[in-house]
Protein backbone atom coordinates (compact mmCIF):
# COMPACT_ATOMS: atom_id res chain seq x y z
CA MET A 1 75.80 214.48 -151.32
CA GLY A 2 78.84 213.77 -153.51
CA GLN A 3 81.07 215.84 -151.27
CA ASN A 4 79.82 214.04 -148.20
CA LEU A 5 80.66 210.69 -149.79
CA GLY A 6 84.12 212.04 -150.46
CA THR A 7 84.37 212.99 -146.82
CA ILE A 8 83.50 209.46 -145.79
CA ASP A 9 86.19 208.17 -148.17
CA TRP A 10 88.75 210.35 -146.38
CA ASN A 11 87.80 208.81 -143.07
CA VAL A 12 87.77 205.26 -144.38
CA THR A 13 91.21 205.75 -145.88
CA ALA A 14 92.41 207.15 -142.59
CA MET A 15 91.49 203.92 -140.82
CA ASP A 16 94.54 202.22 -142.39
CA SER A 17 97.11 204.39 -140.61
CA ARG A 18 96.97 207.61 -138.65
CA SER A 19 100.49 208.22 -137.43
CA THR A 20 101.89 211.74 -137.58
CA SER A 21 104.27 210.76 -140.38
CA TYR A 22 101.38 209.30 -142.38
CA TRP A 23 99.38 212.53 -142.22
CA PHE A 24 102.50 214.60 -142.91
CA GLY A 25 103.11 212.58 -146.04
CA LEU A 26 99.58 213.29 -147.27
CA VAL A 27 99.86 217.01 -146.54
CA THR A 28 103.15 217.41 -148.38
CA ALA A 29 102.47 214.97 -151.23
CA GLU A 30 102.30 216.54 -154.70
CA TYR A 31 99.09 214.82 -155.79
CA PHE A 32 97.45 216.76 -158.60
CA TRP A 33 93.98 215.61 -157.50
CA MET A 34 94.31 216.72 -153.87
CA THR A 35 92.36 219.90 -153.14
CA LEU A 36 93.28 222.62 -150.65
CA GLU A 37 90.35 221.49 -148.52
CA ALA A 38 91.77 217.96 -148.35
CA ARG A 39 95.23 219.23 -147.43
CA ILE A 40 93.81 221.35 -144.59
CA TYR A 41 91.85 218.31 -143.38
CA TYR A 42 94.97 216.12 -143.38
CA ALA A 43 96.99 218.87 -141.67
CA LEU A 44 94.42 219.07 -138.86
CA LYS A 45 94.45 215.27 -138.49
CA MET A 46 98.25 215.39 -138.21
CA ILE A 47 98.05 218.09 -135.54
CA GLN A 48 95.43 216.10 -133.62
CA THR A 49 97.82 213.16 -133.14
CA VAL A 50 99.87 215.45 -130.88
CA TYR A 51 97.27 218.02 -129.81
CA TYR A 52 94.76 215.62 -128.23
CA PRO A 53 97.23 213.68 -126.03
CA ILE A 54 98.85 216.91 -124.82
CA LEU A 55 95.42 218.42 -124.09
CA ALA A 56 94.45 215.31 -122.11
CA ILE A 57 97.71 215.33 -120.13
CA ILE A 58 97.27 219.01 -119.24
CA GLY A 59 93.49 219.32 -119.03
CA GLY A 60 92.81 216.51 -116.57
CA PRO A 61 95.29 217.54 -113.83
CA VAL A 62 94.53 221.23 -114.34
CA ASN A 63 90.81 220.72 -113.70
CA LEU A 64 91.56 218.51 -110.69
CA LEU A 65 93.83 221.25 -109.36
CA THR A 66 91.09 223.85 -109.90
CA ILE A 67 88.48 221.73 -108.11
CA GLY A 68 90.82 221.21 -105.16
CA ILE A 69 91.76 224.89 -104.82
CA LEU A 70 88.22 226.23 -105.21
CA SER A 71 86.79 223.64 -102.81
CA ARG A 72 89.03 224.96 -100.03
CA GLY A 73 87.16 228.29 -100.21
CA LYS A 74 90.25 230.46 -99.81
CA CYS A 75 90.04 232.40 -103.08
CA GLY A 76 87.94 235.28 -101.80
CA LEU A 77 84.85 234.18 -103.73
CA SER A 78 81.37 233.78 -102.30
CA LYS A 79 80.16 230.25 -101.58
CA CYS A 80 77.58 230.28 -104.36
CA VAL A 81 80.13 231.46 -106.94
CA THR A 82 82.58 228.83 -105.70
CA ARG A 83 79.97 226.11 -106.10
CA TYR A 84 79.24 227.13 -109.69
CA LEU A 85 82.92 227.27 -110.60
CA VAL A 86 83.58 223.87 -108.98
CA ALA A 87 80.62 222.40 -110.88
CA MET A 88 81.96 223.85 -114.15
CA SER A 89 85.42 222.42 -113.52
CA ALA A 90 83.98 219.00 -112.60
CA ALA A 91 81.88 218.95 -115.78
CA ASP A 92 84.91 219.99 -117.85
CA LEU A 93 86.95 217.18 -116.27
CA LEU A 94 84.27 214.64 -117.21
CA VAL A 95 84.16 216.04 -120.76
CA ILE A 96 87.92 215.54 -121.02
CA ILE A 97 87.55 211.93 -119.85
CA LEU A 98 84.47 210.95 -121.86
CA ASP A 99 84.97 213.10 -124.95
CA LEU A 100 88.69 213.68 -125.35
CA ILE A 101 90.19 210.49 -123.88
CA PHE A 102 87.46 207.92 -124.65
CA ARG A 103 86.25 209.41 -127.96
CA HIS A 104 88.69 211.60 -129.88
CA ILE A 105 91.98 209.93 -128.98
CA PRO A 106 90.67 206.51 -130.13
CA ILE A 107 89.53 208.17 -133.38
CA VAL A 108 93.02 209.59 -133.91
CA TYR A 109 94.69 206.25 -133.00
CA PRO A 110 92.23 203.59 -134.27
CA GLU A 111 94.82 200.81 -134.51
CA GLN A 112 95.51 201.02 -130.77
CA PHE A 113 91.80 201.11 -129.92
CA GLN A 114 90.34 198.53 -132.29
CA PHE A 115 89.11 196.57 -129.26
CA LEU A 116 86.41 199.24 -128.81
CA GLU A 117 84.64 197.84 -131.87
CA TYR A 118 83.89 194.71 -129.85
CA ILE A 119 82.50 196.55 -126.81
CA PRO A 120 78.84 197.44 -127.59
CA VAL A 121 78.45 200.40 -125.25
CA CYS A 122 78.78 203.35 -127.65
CA ASN A 123 75.18 204.52 -127.21
CA ILE A 124 75.61 204.48 -123.41
CA HIS A 125 78.85 206.39 -123.84
CA ALA A 126 76.99 208.92 -126.02
CA VAL A 127 74.32 209.50 -123.36
CA LEU A 128 76.97 210.15 -120.68
CA LEU A 129 79.12 212.28 -122.97
CA TYR A 130 76.32 214.57 -124.13
CA THR A 131 74.97 214.79 -120.58
CA VAL A 132 78.23 216.12 -119.13
CA THR A 133 78.66 218.39 -122.17
CA ASP A 134 75.21 219.88 -121.52
CA CYS A 135 76.12 220.31 -117.87
CA SER A 136 79.34 222.13 -118.79
CA VAL A 137 77.42 224.52 -121.05
CA TRP A 138 74.45 225.16 -118.77
CA PHE A 139 76.60 225.61 -115.67
CA THR A 140 78.15 228.54 -117.54
CA VAL A 141 74.63 229.91 -118.11
CA THR A 142 73.62 229.49 -114.47
CA PHE A 143 76.82 231.17 -113.32
CA THR A 144 76.12 234.07 -115.69
CA PHE A 145 72.55 234.37 -114.37
CA ASP A 146 73.76 234.25 -110.76
CA ARG A 147 76.13 237.18 -111.43
CA PHE A 148 73.33 239.05 -113.23
CA VAL A 149 71.07 238.71 -110.18
CA ALA A 150 73.88 239.63 -107.76
CA ILE A 151 74.77 242.80 -109.68
CA CYS A 152 71.48 243.96 -111.19
CA CYS A 153 68.73 242.62 -108.87
CA GLN A 154 69.59 243.62 -105.34
CA ASN A 155 66.12 242.64 -104.06
CA LEU A 156 66.64 239.02 -105.14
CA LYS A 157 70.32 238.78 -104.31
CA SER A 158 69.94 237.58 -100.71
CA LYS A 159 67.40 234.90 -101.69
CA TYR A 160 68.88 233.61 -104.94
CA CYS A 161 72.65 234.09 -104.54
CA SER A 162 73.09 231.58 -101.72
CA GLU A 163 74.94 228.31 -101.32
CA LYS A 164 71.68 226.38 -100.95
CA THR A 165 70.16 227.82 -104.12
CA SER A 166 73.32 227.15 -106.12
CA ALA A 167 73.28 223.51 -104.96
CA VAL A 168 69.66 223.15 -106.07
CA VAL A 169 70.39 224.77 -109.44
CA VAL A 170 73.45 222.57 -110.08
CA GLY A 171 71.50 219.43 -109.14
CA THR A 172 68.50 220.39 -111.29
CA VAL A 173 70.66 221.12 -114.33
CA SER A 174 72.43 217.77 -113.92
CA VAL A 175 69.18 215.79 -113.74
CA LEU A 176 67.55 217.63 -116.66
CA SER A 177 70.68 217.18 -118.78
CA CYS A 178 70.60 213.45 -118.16
CA LEU A 179 66.90 213.16 -119.05
CA LYS A 180 67.36 215.32 -122.16
CA ASN A 181 70.06 213.05 -123.61
CA ILE A 182 68.49 209.64 -123.08
CA PHE A 183 67.29 209.74 -126.71
CA TRP A 184 70.88 209.09 -127.88
CA TYR A 185 70.63 205.56 -126.47
CA PHE A 186 67.81 204.76 -128.89
CA MET A 187 69.08 206.86 -131.80
CA LEU A 188 72.58 205.38 -132.00
CA THR A 189 73.80 201.78 -131.94
CA GLY A 190 76.21 200.30 -129.40
CA ARG A 191 78.99 199.98 -131.98
CA TYR A 192 81.84 202.49 -132.19
CA SER A 193 82.58 203.85 -135.65
CA LEU A 194 85.90 205.52 -134.73
CA TRP A 195 85.37 208.57 -136.94
CA ASN A 196 83.43 211.84 -136.80
CA ASP A 197 80.89 211.62 -139.58
CA PRO A 198 78.79 212.94 -137.94
CA TRP A 199 78.81 210.84 -134.72
CA PHE A 200 81.32 208.50 -133.16
CA CYS A 201 78.72 205.69 -133.01
CA PHE A 202 77.15 203.87 -135.94
CA ALA A 203 73.57 204.79 -136.77
CA THR A 204 71.22 203.06 -139.15
CA MET A 205 70.22 204.75 -142.40
CA ASP A 206 66.65 204.95 -141.08
CA VAL A 207 67.93 207.18 -138.27
CA VAL A 208 70.25 209.23 -140.49
CA PHE A 209 67.46 210.17 -142.91
CA SER A 210 64.58 210.14 -140.41
CA ARG A 211 62.80 213.48 -140.03
CA VAL A 212 61.61 212.52 -136.54
CA TRP A 213 65.13 211.79 -135.25
CA GLY A 214 66.39 214.74 -137.27
CA ILE A 215 64.02 217.13 -135.54
CA ILE A 216 64.96 215.67 -132.13
CA GLU A 217 68.67 216.13 -132.81
CA PHE A 218 68.06 219.58 -134.29
CA LEU A 219 66.26 220.62 -131.09
CA HIS A 220 69.14 219.13 -129.08
CA ASN A 221 71.62 221.38 -130.89
CA ILE A 222 69.33 224.38 -130.47
CA LEU A 223 69.06 223.82 -126.71
CA THR A 224 72.81 223.22 -126.42
CA PRO A 225 74.49 225.50 -127.20
CA ALA A 226 72.35 227.89 -129.33
CA VAL A 227 69.96 228.90 -126.52
CA PRO A 228 72.84 229.35 -124.02
CA PHE A 229 74.56 231.63 -126.56
CA VAL A 230 71.52 233.92 -126.69
CA MET A 231 71.00 233.85 -122.92
CA ILE A 232 74.64 234.65 -122.15
CA LEU A 233 74.69 237.52 -124.64
CA LEU A 234 71.49 238.97 -123.21
CA LEU A 235 72.50 238.59 -119.54
CA ASN A 236 75.99 239.97 -120.12
CA GLY A 237 74.60 242.91 -122.06
CA LEU A 238 72.17 243.79 -119.27
CA THR A 239 74.84 243.32 -116.60
CA VAL A 240 77.40 245.52 -118.35
CA ARG A 241 74.78 248.20 -119.02
CA HIS A 242 73.74 248.20 -115.36
CA ILE A 243 77.34 248.48 -114.15
CA LEU A 244 78.14 251.33 -116.54
CA VAL A 245 75.06 253.29 -115.44
CA ARG A 246 75.78 252.72 -111.73
CA SER A 247 79.46 253.57 -112.19
CA ARG A 248 78.72 256.94 -113.79
CA GLY A 249 76.17 257.71 -111.07
CA ARG A 250 78.54 256.79 -108.23
CA ARG A 251 81.42 258.80 -109.75
CA ARG A 252 79.25 261.90 -110.03
CA LEU A 253 77.93 261.46 -106.49
CA ARG A 254 81.36 260.93 -104.94
CA ALA A 255 82.86 263.83 -106.89
CA HIS A 256 80.02 266.10 -105.77
CA SER A 257 80.25 265.07 -102.10
CA SER A 258 84.04 265.13 -101.70
CA GLY A 259 85.09 267.47 -104.46
CA GLU A 260 87.46 264.86 -105.92
CA SER A 261 87.40 261.30 -107.13
CA HIS A 262 88.66 258.64 -104.73
CA ARG A 263 89.11 254.90 -105.14
CA ASP A 264 85.75 253.13 -104.77
CA PRO A 265 86.13 249.63 -103.21
CA GLU A 266 82.60 248.58 -104.23
CA MET A 267 83.13 249.48 -107.86
CA GLU A 268 86.54 247.77 -107.84
CA SER A 269 84.84 244.59 -106.62
CA ARG A 270 82.17 244.85 -109.30
CA ARG A 271 84.82 245.47 -111.95
CA LYS A 272 86.69 242.29 -111.02
CA SER A 273 83.44 240.35 -110.94
CA ILE A 274 82.38 241.50 -114.40
CA ILE A 275 85.84 240.79 -115.84
CA LEU A 276 85.64 237.20 -114.58
CA LEU A 277 82.10 236.85 -115.91
CA LEU A 278 82.84 238.29 -119.35
CA VAL A 279 86.07 236.34 -119.84
CA ILE A 280 84.47 232.99 -118.89
CA SER A 281 81.36 233.50 -121.01
CA GLY A 282 83.33 235.03 -123.89
CA ASN A 283 85.75 232.11 -123.88
CA PHE A 284 82.83 229.67 -124.02
CA MET A 285 81.14 231.46 -126.91
CA LEU A 286 84.32 231.88 -128.94
CA LEU A 287 85.37 228.22 -128.69
CA TRP A 288 81.89 226.73 -129.11
CA ALA A 289 80.58 228.88 -131.98
CA LEU A 290 82.00 226.85 -134.87
CA LEU A 291 80.79 223.49 -133.51
CA MET A 292 77.29 224.86 -132.94
CA VAL A 293 77.02 226.10 -136.54
CA TYR A 294 78.42 222.90 -138.02
CA MET A 295 76.24 220.47 -136.03
CA ILE A 296 73.05 222.37 -136.88
CA TRP A 297 74.07 222.51 -140.53
CA ILE A 298 74.96 218.80 -140.79
CA ARG A 299 71.58 217.68 -139.46
CA MET A 300 69.82 220.00 -141.92
CA TYR A 301 72.03 218.55 -144.66
CA TRP A 302 70.92 214.97 -143.93
CA MET A 303 67.29 216.13 -143.82
CA GLY A 304 67.62 217.40 -147.42
CA TYR A 305 68.22 221.11 -146.84
CA GLN A 306 71.54 221.75 -148.62
CA PRO A 307 71.96 225.45 -149.44
CA VAL A 308 75.68 225.52 -148.61
CA ILE A 309 78.34 222.80 -148.56
CA LEU A 310 80.64 223.12 -145.53
CA PRO A 311 84.09 221.52 -145.74
CA GLN A 312 84.84 218.53 -143.53
CA PHE A 313 87.88 220.15 -141.91
CA LEU A 314 85.60 222.67 -140.16
CA LEU A 315 84.15 219.81 -138.10
CA GLU A 316 87.61 218.68 -136.99
CA LEU A 317 88.61 222.26 -136.15
CA SER A 318 85.37 222.82 -134.23
CA PHE A 319 86.01 219.76 -132.05
CA MET A 320 89.55 220.96 -131.32
CA LEU A 321 88.28 224.36 -130.19
CA GLN A 322 85.39 222.93 -128.15
CA LEU A 323 87.70 220.57 -126.26
CA LEU A 324 90.15 223.40 -125.63
CA SER A 325 87.37 225.27 -123.80
CA CYS A 326 87.42 222.54 -121.12
CA SER A 327 90.99 223.39 -120.16
CA THR A 328 91.06 227.19 -120.28
CA ASN A 329 88.98 228.18 -117.24
CA THR A 330 91.86 227.51 -114.85
CA ALA A 331 94.04 229.96 -116.78
CA ILE A 332 91.18 232.47 -116.67
CA TYR A 333 90.90 232.16 -112.88
CA ALA A 334 94.68 232.52 -112.53
CA VAL A 335 94.74 235.67 -114.66
CA THR A 336 91.69 237.39 -113.14
CA GLN A 337 91.79 236.22 -109.49
CA THR A 338 94.81 237.18 -107.38
CA GLN A 339 93.97 234.86 -104.48
CA PHE A 340 93.44 231.90 -106.81
CA ARG A 341 96.86 232.61 -108.30
CA GLU A 342 98.40 232.61 -104.83
CA GLN A 343 96.73 229.28 -104.00
CA VAL A 344 98.14 227.76 -107.19
CA LYS A 345 101.63 228.96 -106.19
CA ASN A 346 101.23 227.39 -102.75
CA VAL A 347 100.17 224.07 -104.24
CA LEU A 348 103.11 224.06 -106.66
CA LYS A 349 105.49 224.80 -103.79
CA TYR A 350 104.29 221.76 -101.87
């Protein structure tokens, strides 16, 4: 508990000034009492003063560009895949607006956003923010499952992998995500706290130490993103195994029938599909892993289970990585999809 109080002191001190020069002074100051953990924390806060605005400037337009290009349907992707990717980009755009611009940038620049303390809508903001975050995560899961069915379950492919089914799935995930996160309205207050310890809204001590609310929040963090992690790993493992088995079988069959190995268009298509799938899901897991571990740990900490003390700077780093995940899918599409890359070039020309 003592370390956590020290963490809160860091944040309270930071409310006085959070300019880049201020954080740089703390990082480089020769204070005998300042620990390495504190210096790393201050260094991350200094980086955030530049990192978050740049990420917002790039991430918003990039996701809008992705939505526009994919919506035209000229990237050589099926309609159901296009719908999932558009939904993922739209959710990422909303995360950038609600999480990065309306949450983290005000935390980094509290003096410029002090007016938020007089607008009692933080709990509403929390409901919307966690809803779109859930959508972003679960759209990745539904896309992974769609590719699993398309590659491994040929009998279900025609029924499930359709534009109509994808629309139903996207709509269902959106509604369930909204219903799942209504509890934040009652758990948090409407007042912004302008720091991450552990939320960006104030909560009463009854809520912080409540086992009932603690269990609810713990289940929230298990459902997003712990369960998606397991599902994506399982689905990707089964998909890759299926492709490897089919690839060996097709190579042996073609070699036996023709006496030599020729280029197989079907396997080339599957290879590109699995590369896109693995890169998107791998990117999500890599950038979300730290935040998932920290948020589960911090709730257990407040409930009295304190086997390990995690440093505060890990929370700041986890948020930086999680927000980066909302701006990387466009680069993934550009690297893995030739036609998407050509569409981007055409847009930039005009």
